[in-house]
Protein backbone atom coordinates (compact mmCIF):
# COMPACT_ATOMS: atom_id res chain seq x y z
CA UNK A 1 -0.09 -0.31 0.26
CA UNK A 2 1.22 3.41 -0.75
CA UNK A 3 0.58 5.56 2.34
CA UNK A 4 1.63 8.25 0.64
CA UNK A 5 -0.49 8.05 -2.42
CA UNK A 6 -3.09 7.83 0.01
CA UNK A 7 -2.64 10.52 2.40
CA UNK A 8 -2.57 13.10 -0.78
CA UNK A 9 -5.92 11.68 -2.14
CA UNK A 10 -7.19 12.50 1.58
CA UNK A 11 -6.03 15.81 2.43
CA UNK A 12 -8.52 18.64 1.80
CA UNK A 13 -8.46 20.55 -1.77
CA UNK A 14 -6.44 24.16 -1.66
CA UNK A 15 -8.19 27.40 -1.56
CA UNK A 16 -9.66 28.31 -4.80
CA UNK A 17 -9.11 31.82 -4.99
CA UNK A 18 -9.99 34.56 -7.58
CA UNK A 19 -10.03 38.59 -7.55
CA UNK A 20 -12.01 41.30 -9.28
CA UNK A 21 -10.64 42.30 -11.99
CA UNK A 22 -11.03 46.15 -11.23
CA UNK A 23 -9.44 46.18 -7.96
CA UNK A 24 -6.14 45.96 -10.67
CA UNK A 25 -7.42 49.48 -12.09
CA UNK A 26 -8.01 50.22 -15.80
CA UNK A 27 -4.60 48.64 -17.69
CA UNK A 28 -4.13 46.85 -20.84
CA UNK A 29 -5.92 43.81 -21.01
CA UNK A 30 -2.04 42.00 -21.68
CA UNK A 31 -1.24 43.71 -17.93
CA UNK A 32 -4.68 42.84 -16.51
CA UNK A 33 -3.63 39.04 -17.41
CA UNK A 34 0.10 38.86 -16.34
CA UNK A 35 -1.04 40.25 -13.10
CA UNK A 36 -4.33 37.85 -12.12
CA UNK A 37 -1.45 35.25 -13.32
CA UNK A 38 1.10 36.56 -11.28
CA UNK A 39 -0.80 36.48 -8.02
CA UNK A 40 -2.06 32.55 -9.66
CA UNK A 41 -5.59 33.42 -9.21
CA UNK A 42 -8.05 30.94 -10.93
CA UNK A 43 -10.62 33.08 -11.34
CA UNK A 44 -11.98 36.79 -11.97
CA UNK A 45 -14.95 38.59 -11.05
CA UNK A 46 -15.15 41.02 -14.14
CA UNK A 47 -17.38 43.76 -14.96
CA UNK A 48 -16.34 45.20 -18.51
CA UNK A 49 -17.46 48.66 -18.03
CA UNK A 50 -15.76 49.08 -15.11
CA UNK A 51 -12.62 47.78 -16.02
CA UNK A 52 -12.52 48.46 -20.00
CA UNK A 53 -14.41 51.33 -20.08
CA UNK A 54 -13.98 52.93 -23.68
CA UNK A 55 -15.15 49.12 -24.74
CA UNK A 56 -18.55 49.42 -23.45
CA UNK A 57 -20.00 53.33 -23.81
CA UNK A 58 -23.05 51.57 -22.44
CA UNK A 59 -24.00 48.44 -21.09
CA UNK A 60 -26.54 47.92 -23.64
CA UNK A 61 -23.79 48.50 -26.48
CA UNK A 62 -22.29 44.95 -24.97
CA UNK A 63 -21.96 42.43 -28.58
CA UNK A 64 -21.40 39.33 -29.15
CA UNK A 65 -17.96 40.44 -30.38
CA UNK A 66 -17.08 42.40 -27.28
CA UNK A 67 -18.00 39.42 -24.87
CA UNK A 68 -15.67 36.43 -27.21
CA UNK A 69 -12.85 39.22 -27.00
CA UNK A 70 -12.64 39.25 -23.57
CA UNK A 71 -13.96 36.16 -23.00
CA UNK A 72 -11.12 34.38 -25.27
CA UNK A 73 -8.24 36.69 -23.68
CA UNK A 74 -9.14 35.10 -20.14
CA UNK A 75 -9.84 31.31 -21.89
CA UNK A 76 -6.75 31.31 -23.58
CA UNK A 77 -4.56 32.44 -20.59
CA UNK A 78 -6.15 29.43 -18.10
CA UNK A 79 -8.35 32.02 -15.87
CA UNK A 80 -11.98 30.84 -15.45
CA UNK A 81 -14.46 34.13 -15.85
CA UNK A 82 -16.27 32.73 -12.50
CA UNK A 83 -18.57 36.43 -11.87
CA UNK A 84 -19.95 38.73 -15.18
CA UNK A 85 -20.35 41.78 -13.21
CA UNK A 86 -23.32 43.82 -13.85
CA UNK A 87 -23.64 46.82 -11.28
CA UNK A 88 -27.15 47.86 -11.73
CA UNK A 89 -30.04 49.16 -9.47
CA UNK A 90 -32.64 46.69 -9.55
CA UNK A 91 -34.59 49.06 -7.07
CA UNK A 92 -34.73 52.56 -8.53
CA UNK A 93 -38.02 53.84 -7.54
CA UNK A 94 -37.32 55.72 -11.09
CA UNK A 95 -39.72 53.05 -13.02
CA UNK A 96 -37.65 54.17 -15.98
CA UNK A 97 -34.43 53.57 -14.48
CA UNK A 98 -34.85 49.91 -13.23
CA UNK A 99 -36.45 48.94 -16.63
CA UNK A 100 -33.47 50.43 -18.10
CA UNK A 101 -31.39 48.25 -15.59
CA UNK A 102 -33.08 45.30 -15.81
CA UNK A 103 -32.75 45.49 -19.40
CA UNK A 104 -28.86 45.68 -18.76
CA UNK A 105 -28.82 42.94 -16.87
CA UNK A 106 -31.15 41.18 -19.71
CA UNK A 107 -27.98 41.45 -21.46
CA UNK A 108 -25.23 40.23 -19.19
CA UNK A 109 -27.68 37.02 -19.09
CA UNK A 110 -27.44 36.72 -22.88
CA UNK A 111 -24.01 37.15 -23.54
CA UNK A 112 -22.75 35.29 -20.54
CA UNK A 113 -21.83 32.25 -22.13
CA UNK A 114 -20.00 34.36 -24.91
CA UNK A 115 -17.54 35.55 -22.24
CA UNK A 116 -17.53 31.92 -21.10
CA UNK A 117 -19.66 33.18 -17.34
CA UNK A 118 -21.65 31.23 -15.90
CA UNK A 119 -22.92 33.68 -13.55
CA UNK A 120 -24.21 37.07 -13.31
CA UNK A 121 -24.00 39.10 -10.25
CA UNK A 122 -25.36 42.37 -8.89
CA UNK A 123 -25.99 43.62 -5.72
CA UNK A 124 -29.83 45.61 -5.11
CA UNK A 125 -28.53 49.18 -5.10
CA UNK A 126 -30.91 51.49 -3.40
CA UNK A 127 -34.62 52.60 -4.09
CA UNK A 128 -32.88 56.39 -3.37
CA UNK A 129 -29.70 58.37 -4.77
CA UNK A 130 -27.22 56.56 -1.98
CA UNK A 131 -28.26 55.54 1.45
CA UNK A 132 -31.60 55.86 2.14
CA UNK A 133 -33.94 54.26 5.34
CA UNK A 134 -36.34 53.63 2.88
CA UNK A 135 -34.63 50.64 1.79
CA UNK A 136 -35.08 48.85 5.28
CA UNK A 137 -38.97 48.74 4.27
CA UNK A 138 -41.58 45.69 3.23
CA UNK A 139 -41.75 47.18 0.18
CA UNK A 140 -38.07 47.86 -0.99
CA UNK A 141 -37.83 44.17 -0.37
CA UNK A 142 -41.02 43.48 -2.46
CA UNK A 143 -39.91 45.49 -5.26
CA UNK A 144 -36.02 43.31 -4.75
CA UNK A 145 -38.77 39.94 -5.09
CA UNK A 146 -40.33 41.91 -8.20
CA UNK A 147 -37.27 42.45 -10.05
CA UNK A 148 -35.54 39.39 -9.68
CA UNK A 149 -38.51 37.14 -10.35
CA UNK A 150 -37.59 39.18 -14.09
CA UNK A 151 -34.23 38.35 -14.07
CA UNK A 152 -34.76 34.75 -13.20
CA UNK A 153 -37.49 34.35 -16.07
CA UNK A 154 -34.61 35.97 -18.50
CA UNK A 155 -31.85 33.07 -16.60
CA UNK A 156 -33.94 30.76 -17.02
CA UNK A 157 -34.23 31.02 -20.73
CA UNK A 158 -30.47 31.46 -21.44
CA UNK A 159 -29.28 28.86 -19.29
CA UNK A 160 -27.38 31.10 -17.11
CA UNK A 161 -27.44 31.88 -13.06
CA UNK A 162 -27.65 35.15 -11.07
CA UNK A 163 -25.63 35.73 -8.11
CA UNK A 164 -27.37 38.53 -5.92
CA UNK A 165 -25.24 39.90 -2.95
CA UNK A 166 -26.78 41.32 0.27
CA UNK A 167 -25.31 44.58 1.32
CA UNK A 168 -25.75 46.63 4.12
CA UNK A 169 -28.05 50.06 3.30
CA UNK A 170 -29.26 47.61 0.88
CA UNK A 171 -33.18 46.55 0.68
CA UNK A 172 -31.46 43.05 1.05
CA UNK A 173 -29.05 43.69 3.52
CA UNK A 174 -29.45 40.46 6.30
CA UNK A 175 -29.14 36.74 5.50
CA UNK A 176 -32.74 36.14 6.84
CA UNK A 177 -33.76 38.64 4.06
CA UNK A 178 -31.56 36.95 1.51
CA UNK A 179 -33.16 33.71 2.59
CA UNK A 180 -36.45 35.14 2.44
CA UNK A 181 -35.58 35.94 -1.25
CA UNK A 182 -34.96 32.69 -2.25
CA UNK A 183 -37.90 30.70 -0.83
CA UNK A 184 -40.16 33.73 -2.79
CA UNK A 185 -38.55 32.95 -5.81
CA UNK A 186 -37.61 29.42 -5.95
CA UNK A 187 -35.22 28.71 -8.65
CA UNK A 188 -32.11 27.03 -8.96
CA UNK A 189 -30.97 29.79 -11.86
CA UNK A 190 -30.85 31.95 -8.29
CA UNK A 191 -27.88 31.91 -6.07
CA UNK A 192 -26.24 34.25 -4.18
CA UNK A 193 -22.67 35.31 -3.48
CA UNK A 194 -21.66 35.69 -0.11
CA UNK A 195 -20.03 39.05 1.58
CA UNK A 196 -19.79 38.58 4.84
CA UNK A 197 -18.13 42.00 5.43
CA UNK A 198 -21.32 43.23 3.67
CA UNK A 199 -23.62 41.63 6.76
CA UNK A 200 -21.73 43.88 9.46
CA UNK A 201 -22.92 47.68 10.95
CA UNK A 202 -21.29 49.53 13.71
CA UNK A 203 -24.43 48.09 15.76
CA UNK A 204 -23.83 44.00 15.15
CA UNK A 205 -20.22 43.67 14.41
CA UNK A 206 -19.41 42.05 17.79
CA UNK A 207 -21.30 39.50 17.34
CA UNK A 208 -20.33 38.89 13.86
CA UNK A 209 -19.48 35.50 15.06
CA UNK A 210 -23.27 34.49 15.33
CA UNK A 211 -23.83 36.63 12.18
CA UNK A 212 -21.64 34.51 9.96
CA UNK A 213 -22.78 31.09 11.08
CA UNK A 214 -26.32 32.05 10.43
CA UNK A 215 -25.67 33.28 6.86
CA UNK A 216 -23.53 30.10 6.12
CA UNK A 217 -26.63 27.89 7.91
CA UNK A 218 -29.31 29.50 6.17
CA UNK A 219 -27.98 29.77 2.65
CA UNK A 220 -25.60 27.07 2.67
CA UNK A 221 -25.90 25.76 -0.70
CA UNK A 222 -27.60 28.40 -2.71
CA UNK A 223 -24.01 30.10 -2.32
CA UNK A 224 -22.36 30.01 -5.03
CA UNK A 225 -19.29 32.46 -4.74
CA UNK A 226 -17.99 33.95 -1.40
CA UNK A 227 -16.06 37.55 -1.94
CA UNK A 228 -13.63 38.15 0.74
CA UNK A 229 -13.23 41.64 1.94
CA UNK A 230 -12.30 43.21 5.18
CA UNK A 231 -13.45 46.03 7.60
CA UNK A 232 -12.59 48.51 10.52
CA UNK A 233 -14.61 50.85 12.36
CA UNK A 234 -13.78 54.37 12.54
CA UNK A 235 -15.96 57.06 13.92
CA UNK A 236 -18.72 55.03 14.34
CA UNK A 237 -18.49 53.66 10.31
CA UNK A 238 -17.67 50.57 8.60
CA UNK A 239 -14.18 51.32 7.03
CA UNK A 240 -13.33 48.63 3.86
CA UNK A 241 -9.79 47.80 4.02
CA UNK A 242 -7.24 45.26 2.92
CA UNK A 243 -7.85 41.28 3.79
CA UNK A 244 -6.14 40.96 7.29
CA UNK A 245 -5.89 44.64 7.93
CA UNK A 246 -9.46 44.53 9.41
CA UNK A 247 -11.81 43.01 12.14
CA UNK A 248 -13.89 40.09 10.04
CA UNK A 249 -13.28 36.80 11.54
CA UNK A 250 -12.31 34.75 8.47
CA UNK A 251 -11.63 31.21 10.03
CA UNK A 252 -15.83 30.37 9.72
CA UNK A 253 -15.88 31.63 6.64
CA UNK A 254 -12.49 29.69 5.22
CA UNK A 255 -13.24 26.35 7.10
CA UNK A 256 -17.09 26.43 5.55
CA UNK A 257 -14.85 26.91 1.87
CA UNK A 258 -12.63 23.75 2.66
CA UNK A 259 -14.77 21.04 4.28
CA UNK A 260 -19.01 22.47 3.54
CA UNK A 261 -17.95 23.68 -0.08
CA UNK A 262 -14.84 22.33 -1.56
CA UNK A 263 -13.24 24.49 -4.86
CA UNK A 264 -16.11 26.86 -4.11
CA UNK A 265 -15.03 30.36 -5.53
CA UNK A 266 -13.57 32.58 -3.57
CA UNK A 267 -12.96 36.02 -4.51
CA UNK A 268 -10.54 39.00 -3.12
CA UNK A 269 -12.54 42.10 -3.00
CA UNK A 270 -11.43 46.15 -2.44
CA UNK A 271 -7.83 44.84 -1.47
CA UNK A 272 -5.55 46.98 -3.38
CA UNK A 273 -2.81 45.63 -5.31
CA UNK A 274 0.27 46.79 -2.86
CA UNK A 275 -1.43 44.75 -0.24
CA UNK A 276 -2.40 41.63 -2.27
CA UNK A 277 0.55 39.47 -1.60
CA UNK A 278 0.06 40.33 2.31
CA UNK A 279 -3.74 39.22 1.84
CA UNK A 280 -3.13 36.39 -0.45
CA UNK A 281 -0.49 34.94 2.57
CA UNK A 282 -3.43 35.73 5.56
CA UNK A 283 -6.22 33.85 3.91
CA UNK A 284 -3.93 30.91 3.28
CA UNK A 285 -2.64 31.00 6.66
CA UNK A 286 -5.79 31.21 8.30
CA UNK A 287 -7.32 28.17 5.45
CA UNK A 288 -4.39 25.61 6.43
CA UNK A 289 -5.00 25.84 9.99
CA UNK A 290 -9.01 25.34 10.07
């Protein structure tokens, strides 16, 4: 019996780590791909309009040619496009703006396979311009449900998955609300992008172990992607910082990724390039410990 071989077979898989493309800033495509490979990221979240605005004068201007150009470049470099990012406001109180947002999202769904992505992701955004307490109403949540139903119907037509991300101060801002959304729109084409830092606030961050554990339990196998970012509390407000320099408890998140959902896409977020090497080492160390 080859003991070494058996041990290798029983070892947990490595951390499957990727990055948001626009966290490298607006740089040429070949430079972006070189940086992704330099840090050994296996996959990427790509929002074309954020990384290459000259190629995307408007979200509706995306074409199969645009999708094939960028998707082919990533594929050729061995980089998986895990999330096609489409940042639109699906709950805008202005009806025309909301219709336009849903149309733009539909364009991304239609082109997802040309890009080589199986998941198109967005947050819900805000019913107003920026922060408003109107986001915390049942009416705002009902608008989330109404918009997501339209999006899911399109996703089912194209055989693509939607990834919805909860965020503080958005109509979808807690794990229980996110669970309600999944229950009200019962489609496997609707999945969750979980960002535990997005669930934190100055009022609840001291209970973060409870909040993170509950989120993982409530959403569990409907989580398609995990965003990895960090935060501090400064002057009573959440401040996003590079991973490993803040107060988020990553142990339960990485334990879930390692044992409950091996190979799940983890995406480093809001970590500038000068901090990436340290943040990657920080995540790898905790992943090895848990």
